[in-house]
Protein backbone atom coordinates (compact mmCIF):
# COMPACT_ATOMS: atom_id res chain seq x y z
CA MET A 1 120.92 10.23 309.16
CA PRO A 2 117.25 9.55 306.97
CA ARG A 3 116.62 11.97 304.19
CA LYS A 4 114.02 14.56 305.07
CA PRO A 5 110.80 14.00 302.56
CA LYS A 6 110.55 16.67 299.85
CA ILE A 7 107.75 19.04 300.31
CA PRO A 8 105.45 18.32 297.18
CA THR A 9 105.57 21.77 295.30
CA GLN A 10 103.70 19.90 292.21
CA VAL A 11 99.67 19.58 291.58
CA HIS A 12 98.94 16.23 291.84
CA PHE A 13 96.05 14.36 290.17
CA PRO A 14 93.84 12.19 292.63
CA ASN A 15 92.04 9.76 290.58
CA LEU A 16 93.53 11.10 287.04
CA ASP A 17 92.08 9.12 284.54
CA PRO A 18 94.12 8.63 281.40
CA SER A 19 91.70 9.93 279.13
CA ALA A 20 92.03 13.29 280.53
CA PHE A 21 95.43 13.55 278.52
CA GLN A 22 95.64 11.12 275.85
CA HIS A 23 95.87 12.55 272.76
CA THR A 24 92.98 11.63 270.35
CA ALA A 25 95.37 9.96 267.48
CA ASP A 26 96.85 7.58 270.15
CA ARG A 27 93.19 6.58 271.42
CA GLU A 28 91.79 6.16 267.90
CA ALA A 29 94.84 3.99 266.98
CA MET A 30 94.65 1.80 270.04
CA ARG A 31 90.62 0.98 269.38
CA LYS A 32 92.07 0.06 265.69
CA LEU A 33 94.62 -2.16 266.68
CA ALA A 34 92.29 -4.04 269.53
CA ARG A 35 90.16 -4.61 266.32
CA LEU A 36 92.62 -6.36 264.31
CA PRO A 37 91.75 -9.67 263.93
CA GLY A 38 93.61 -12.20 266.22
CA MET A 39 95.15 -9.28 268.13
CA GLN A 40 93.62 -10.32 271.63
CA THR A 41 94.48 -14.06 271.11
CA LEU A 42 98.12 -13.08 270.33
CA LEU A 43 98.36 -10.89 273.30
CA ARG A 44 96.78 -13.64 275.76
CA LYS A 45 99.76 -15.75 274.27
CA VAL A 46 102.39 -13.11 274.77
CA SER A 47 101.01 -12.49 278.33
CA GLY A 48 101.42 -16.05 279.43
CA SER A 49 105.15 -16.30 277.74
CA VAL A 50 108.65 -16.59 278.90
CA PHE A 51 109.39 -13.35 277.48
CA GLU A 52 108.50 -11.39 280.30
CA LYS A 53 110.40 -13.63 283.08
CA THR A 54 113.72 -13.80 280.44
CA LEU A 55 113.71 -10.06 280.09
CA ARG A 56 113.37 -9.31 284.01
CA MET A 57 116.23 -12.19 284.47
CA LEU A 58 118.45 -10.30 281.98
CA ASN A 59 117.65 -6.92 284.02
CA THR A 60 118.59 -8.37 287.41
CA ALA A 61 121.74 -9.70 285.78
CA GLU A 62 123.04 -6.84 283.41
CA ARG A 63 121.49 -3.76 285.17
CA VAL A 64 121.66 -1.86 288.48
CA LYS A 65 117.87 -2.11 289.98
CA VAL A 66 117.32 1.51 291.52
CA GLY A 67 115.47 1.78 295.02
CA PRO A 68 115.25 3.83 298.31
CA LYS A 69 118.82 2.22 298.94
CA GLN A 70 120.32 2.44 295.64
CA CYS A 71 120.24 5.60 293.48
CA PRO A 72 117.55 7.27 295.87
CA ARG A 73 117.52 10.68 293.96
CA ILE A 74 116.27 9.04 290.91
CA TYR A 75 113.95 6.62 292.69
CA ASP A 76 112.65 9.69 294.43
CA MET A 77 111.64 11.20 291.28
CA PHE A 78 110.05 8.01 290.27
CA ARG A 79 107.97 7.62 293.42
CA GLU A 80 106.88 11.31 293.29
CA SER A 81 106.07 11.31 289.76
CA CYS A 82 103.91 8.31 290.31
CA GLU A 83 102.16 10.38 293.05
CA ILE A 84 101.39 13.12 290.81
CA LEU A 85 99.91 10.85 288.19
CA ASP A 86 98.19 8.74 290.66
CA ILE A 87 100.07 5.53 289.61
CA LYS A 88 99.73 3.31 292.95
CA GLU A 89 102.28 0.83 292.41
CA ILE A 90 106.10 1.82 291.51
CA PRO A 91 107.33 -0.27 288.43
CA GLU A 92 110.63 -1.80 288.76
CA ILE A 93 113.43 0.68 287.66
CA TYR A 94 116.80 -0.15 286.34
CA LEU A 95 120.19 1.91 285.50
CA SER A 96 121.51 0.40 281.92
CA THR A 97 125.30 1.27 281.34
CA VAL A 98 124.82 1.70 277.52
CA TYR A 99 125.65 5.18 276.90
CA VAL A 100 122.92 6.62 274.69
CA PRO A 101 120.34 9.12 275.63
CA ASN A 102 117.38 6.69 275.71
CA ALA A 103 114.80 5.08 278.18
CA PHE A 104 112.33 2.62 277.87
CA SER A 105 109.23 0.58 279.48
CA PHE A 106 108.05 -2.80 278.91
CA GLY A 107 106.24 -5.47 281.14
CA ILE A 108 102.46 -7.10 280.81
CA LYS A 109 101.99 -8.28 284.26
CA LYS A 110 104.74 -6.49 286.24
CA TYR A 111 105.77 -3.10 284.88
CA THR A 112 109.59 -1.93 284.26
CA VAL A 113 111.42 1.13 283.34
CA VAL A 114 115.15 1.15 281.90
CA LEU A 115 117.29 4.48 281.98
CA LEU A 116 120.25 4.47 279.91
CA THR A 117 123.07 6.42 281.51
CA GLY A 118 123.43 8.33 278.49
CA LEU A 119 120.29 9.98 279.58
CA VAL A 120 121.25 10.60 282.92
CA ASP A 121 124.29 12.44 282.23
CA LEU A 122 122.82 14.60 279.38
CA LEU A 123 119.87 15.71 281.23
CA THR A 124 119.16 18.31 284.11
CA GLU A 125 117.26 16.63 287.15
CA ASP A 126 114.20 18.35 285.86
CA GLU A 127 114.36 17.24 282.42
CA LEU A 128 115.23 13.72 283.63
CA ARG A 129 111.79 13.94 285.57
CA PHE A 130 110.27 14.66 282.39
CA VAL A 131 111.35 11.41 280.92
CA ILE A 132 110.69 9.54 284.04
CA ALA A 133 107.17 10.62 283.84
CA HIS A 134 107.00 10.18 279.98
CA GLU A 135 107.96 6.65 280.26
CA LEU A 136 105.11 6.18 283.52
CA SER A 137 102.66 7.63 281.34
CA HIS A 138 102.92 4.65 279.18
CA ILE A 139 102.07 2.73 282.00
CA LYS A 140 99.12 5.23 283.18
CA CYS A 141 97.83 4.92 280.08
CA ASP A 142 97.69 1.32 279.38
CA HIS A 143 100.27 1.16 276.48
CA MET A 144 102.39 -1.48 277.98
CA MET A 145 100.77 -4.84 276.28
CA TYR A 146 101.12 -3.03 272.62
CA LYS A 147 104.68 -2.02 273.57
CA THR A 148 105.93 -5.24 274.96
CA LEU A 149 104.24 -6.90 272.05
CA LEU A 150 106.25 -4.53 269.59
CA TYR A 151 109.48 -5.04 271.59
CA ILE A 152 109.62 -8.63 271.20
CA LEU A 153 108.65 -8.53 267.75
CA THR A 154 111.38 -6.13 266.59
CA TYR A 155 114.16 -6.93 269.04
CA VAL A 156 113.37 -9.19 272.41
CA GLY A 157 112.45 -11.85 270.38
CA VAL A 158 115.81 -11.81 268.09
CA GLU A 159 117.96 -11.22 271.49
CA ILE A 160 116.59 -14.53 273.11
CA PHE A 161 115.80 -16.83 270.24
CA GLY A 162 118.15 -16.03 267.88
CA THR A 163 118.07 -14.68 263.88
CA LEU A 164 115.22 -17.47 263.23
CA PHE A 165 112.66 -15.62 265.42
CA ARG A 166 113.09 -12.42 263.29
CA LEU A 167 112.74 -14.87 260.18
CA ALA A 168 109.28 -16.30 261.82
CA ALA A 169 108.30 -12.68 262.88
CA ILE A 170 107.83 -11.83 259.05
CA THR A 171 104.68 -13.10 258.99
CA PHE A 172 103.81 -10.39 261.45
CA PHE A 173 105.27 -7.82 259.61
CA PRO A 174 101.80 -6.22 258.96
CA LEU A 175 100.89 -6.03 262.28
CA GLU A 176 104.51 -4.69 263.38
CA MET A 177 103.59 -1.53 261.18
CA ALA A 178 100.27 -0.84 262.57
CA LEU A 179 102.00 -1.21 266.22
CA ARG A 180 104.71 1.32 265.06
CA SER A 181 102.12 3.71 263.52
CA TRP A 182 100.32 3.84 267.13
CA GLU A 183 103.63 3.95 268.82
CA ARG A 184 104.56 7.16 267.36
CA LYS A 185 101.07 8.79 268.30
CA ALA A 186 101.39 7.60 271.70
CA GLU A 187 104.73 9.40 272.31
CA PHE A 188 102.60 12.33 271.82
CA THR A 189 100.25 11.45 275.01
CA CYS A 190 103.39 10.59 277.22
CA ASP A 191 104.89 13.95 276.41
CA ARG A 192 101.81 15.54 277.64
CA GLY A 193 101.86 13.19 280.98
CA GLY A 194 105.82 14.42 281.36
CA LEU A 195 104.51 17.98 281.18
CA LEU A 196 101.66 17.25 283.86
CA VAL A 197 104.72 16.05 286.07
CA THR A 198 107.16 18.84 285.33
CA GLN A 199 104.55 21.73 284.83
CA ASN A 200 107.27 23.45 283.31
CA ILE A 201 106.73 23.85 279.34
CA GLU A 202 110.54 25.61 279.10
CA VAL A 203 111.86 22.18 280.78
CA VAL A 204 109.98 19.78 278.45
CA GLN A 205 111.10 21.87 275.56
CA THR A 206 115.12 21.84 276.43
CA ALA A 207 114.81 17.93 277.22
CA LEU A 208 113.08 17.29 273.86
CA VAL A 209 115.92 19.63 272.10
CA LYS A 210 118.81 17.57 273.86
CA LEU A 211 117.11 14.46 272.63
CA ALA A 212 116.91 15.43 269.30
CA GLY A 213 120.68 15.85 269.22
CA ALA A 214 121.48 19.63 270.31
CA SER A 215 124.91 19.96 272.53
CA LYS A 216 124.46 20.94 276.50
CA SER A 217 127.01 23.72 275.22
CA LEU A 218 124.89 25.16 272.29
CA LEU A 219 121.37 24.51 274.55
CA PRO A 220 121.63 28.35 275.80
CA GLU A 221 121.75 29.55 272.04
CA ILE A 222 118.62 27.63 271.22
CA ASN A 223 115.66 29.79 270.50
CA ILE A 224 112.53 27.80 270.83
CA LYS A 225 110.37 30.51 268.84
CA GLU A 226 112.49 29.60 265.96
CA ILE A 227 111.84 25.55 266.39
CA LEU A 228 108.06 26.31 266.65
CA LYS A 229 108.64 28.23 263.29
CA GLN A 230 110.44 25.50 262.06
CA ALA A 231 107.88 23.19 262.67
CA ASP A 232 105.46 25.07 260.54
CA GLU A 233 107.72 25.24 257.69
CA LEU A 234 107.70 21.11 257.81
CA LYS A 235 103.74 21.33 258.02
CA ASP A 236 103.73 23.92 255.16
CA MET A 237 105.76 21.23 252.96
CA ASP A 238 102.77 19.00 253.11
CA GLU A 239 101.49 20.65 250.32
CA GLU A 240 103.69 18.87 248.35
CA LEU A 241 102.53 15.03 247.50
CA PHE A 242 106.32 14.04 246.82
CA VAL A 243 107.24 15.59 250.44
CA ARG A 244 104.36 14.14 252.40
CA ALA A 245 105.20 10.60 250.91
CA MET A 246 109.11 10.95 252.09
CA LYS A 247 107.84 12.03 255.28
CA MET A 248 106.08 8.84 255.40
CA TYR A 249 108.79 6.89 254.19
CA HIS A 250 111.38 8.26 256.93
CA THR A 251 109.00 7.86 259.41
CA ALA A 252 107.82 4.11 258.93
CA PHE A 253 110.43 2.31 260.94
CA ARG A 254 110.87 5.16 263.67
CA SER A 255 109.69 4.57 267.21
CA HIS A 256 109.16 8.51 267.57
CA PRO A 257 107.88 11.23 265.93
CA PHE A 258 110.17 13.93 264.45
CA PRO A 259 111.54 15.78 267.24
CA ILE A 260 110.39 19.30 265.99
CA ILE A 261 106.96 17.56 265.35
CA ARG A 262 107.00 16.70 269.01
CA ILE A 263 108.06 20.19 270.13
CA LYS A 264 105.37 21.88 268.19
CA GLU A 265 102.55 19.52 269.52
CA ILE A 266 103.59 19.65 273.14
CA HIS A 267 103.70 23.58 273.00
CA ASN A 268 100.30 23.78 271.54
CA TRP A 269 98.88 21.61 274.35
CA SER A 270 100.68 23.68 276.99
CA GLN A 271 98.50 26.76 275.66
CA SER A 272 95.33 24.72 275.52
CA ASN A 273 92.42 25.13 278.01
CA GLN A 274 92.54 20.98 278.56
CA TYR A 275 95.85 21.18 279.97
CA ARG A 276 94.77 24.55 281.90
CA LYS A 277 91.59 22.64 283.47
CA ILE A 278 93.83 19.92 284.49
CA LEU A 279 96.19 21.89 286.35
CA ALA A 280 93.08 23.28 288.04
CA GLY A 281 91.48 19.99 289.17
CA ASP A 282 88.96 19.65 286.40
CA TYR A 283 89.63 16.63 284.91
CA PRO A 284 87.88 13.10 284.23
CA ARG A 285 88.49 10.79 287.38
CA MET A 286 89.01 7.20 287.52
């Protein structure tokens, strides 16, 4: 018997322009990346390379492709999230058996999102929808060229061509650091995209708390107000030069900002006029 389509309960955002929710730091970092010498030439070479085809082959060989007839519950989340964010073409979706609570997206001509099974088991359905929407927001905001380039420089190139690629990639180290710095700022944008889909700040916060390392059994005891106070304490530490230097050192190679900072950032945005206006249908349109 065919499944009945869900009745939409979430506000949808037709013709949503990504500038409606893009974090200012993300936008400025993207502008700086575009102005780096040789960046556009490098992106063109990457877009015409074998990397994307190889990655799609590895996905097809090693992971479960999700679709209307394969894990339809997750596929429906993808489809509904695309509709809310006004993403016209649903990307390819795969499940990886790697038992880590993570997800990632890549692609230049054809986009792909990969969910790791550790993530699927850890999160509730609503929390998983937030992560799915977070990954889709990278696509919505044209992050994919830069994300894929960083993915090639730091991981895929070595997987495909071996350690010699990593030695060759040393020459691109300044570019890698610039991409990593932008990547952390882009996460703030995509948390906002996740909130636009879930439209429930508590779901976003519990998802981020779990991804920060809290156990499912302890989650009922987690006090979000105390975490927000913790974020304020962390900010107050910036008065010391040594602490600021240590924060830079410990974030330099991270793909995401500190989780406590992410929770504070998305909490602040959920209270903003910008978020309320988008929910009311007042936002920049494509």
